[in-house]
Amino acid sequence: MGDMINVLFYVGKLKTNSEGLSPVYLRVTVNGQRFDISTSQFVDVAKWSQVGGRAMGSAKEVKELNF
């Protein structure tokens, strides 16, 4: 069988920048081995959907982040 790959976007809630926004990270898991990397993007935690792994809303900034 092939490799098991999982991709997840999440917010680092404990870290914020000077604007109060939290960094968005990418987690890739391959066959149980995982690594995290910063996307260099920031989001308001109140606008982040943990279930969907994306920002909520229809503003231009939200659409660009989700893209």
Protein backbone atom coordinates (compact mmCIF):
# COMPACT_ATOMS: atom_id res chain seq x y z
CA MET A 1 0.00 0.00 0.00
CA GLY A 2 1.05 3.65 -0.44
CA ASP A 3 2.25 6.22 2.04
CA MET A 4 -0.25 7.76 4.46
CA ILE A 5 -0.08 11.57 4.16
CA ASN A 6 -2.03 14.12 6.21
CA VAL A 7 -1.92 17.92 5.86
CA LEU A 8 -3.21 20.29 8.55
CA PHE A 9 -3.18 24.07 8.95
CA TYR A 10 -3.32 25.41 12.51
CA VAL A 11 -2.81 28.63 14.47
CA GLY A 12 -0.07 29.11 17.07
CA LYS A 13 -2.32 30.70 19.68
CA LEU A 14 0.43 31.35 22.22
CA LYS A 15 2.39 33.59 19.88
CA THR A 16 1.13 36.91 18.54
CA ASN A 17 2.67 39.72 16.55
CA SER A 18 2.48 43.43 17.40
CA GLU A 19 -1.00 43.59 15.80
CA GLY A 20 -2.34 40.79 18.01
CA LEU A 21 -2.46 38.26 15.15
CA SER A 22 -1.29 34.66 15.50
CA PRO A 23 0.89 32.76 13.02
CA VAL A 24 -0.55 30.07 10.76
CA TYR A 25 1.45 26.83 10.59
CA LEU A 26 1.37 23.87 8.24
CA ARG A 27 1.75 20.37 9.68
CA VAL A 28 2.54 17.48 7.32
CA THR A 29 2.42 13.91 8.61
CA VAL A 30 3.79 11.05 6.50
CA ASN A 31 3.48 7.55 7.92
CA GLY A 32 3.41 8.88 11.49
CA GLN A 33 6.40 11.21 11.05
CA ARG A 34 5.41 14.86 11.23
CA PHE A 35 6.94 18.26 10.74
CA ASP A 36 5.61 21.78 11.21
CA ILE A 37 6.51 24.84 9.18
CA SER A 38 5.42 28.47 9.38
CA THR A 39 3.41 29.78 6.43
CA SER A 40 4.54 33.36 7.24
CA GLN A 41 0.85 34.29 7.39
CA PHE A 42 -1.01 35.69 10.41
CA VAL A 43 -4.68 35.62 11.40
CA ASP A 44 -7.02 36.80 14.15
CA VAL A 45 -7.67 33.69 16.29
CA ALA A 46 -11.36 34.65 16.55
CA LYS A 47 -11.64 34.26 12.75
CA TRP A 48 -9.96 30.83 12.60
CA SER A 49 -11.91 27.58 12.24
CA GLN A 50 -10.02 24.71 13.85
CA VAL A 51 -12.43 22.20 12.34
CA GLY A 52 -12.02 23.55 8.80
CA GLY A 53 -8.36 24.51 9.18
CA ARG A 54 -8.98 27.88 7.55
CA ALA A 55 -10.01 31.46 8.23
CA MET A 56 -13.71 32.32 8.31
CA GLY A 57 -15.26 35.24 6.48
CA SER A 58 -15.52 36.75 3.05
CA ALA A 59 -13.12 39.73 3.26
CA LYS A 60 -10.40 39.95 0.63
CA GLU A 61 -7.68 39.23 3.24
CA VAL A 62 -9.48 36.07 4.40
CA LYS A 63 -9.90 34.81 0.83
CA GLU A 64 -6.21 35.45 0.11
CA LEU A 65 -5.13 33.64 3.28
CA ASN A 66 -7.29 30.61 2.52
CA PHE A 67 -6.04 30.49 -1.06
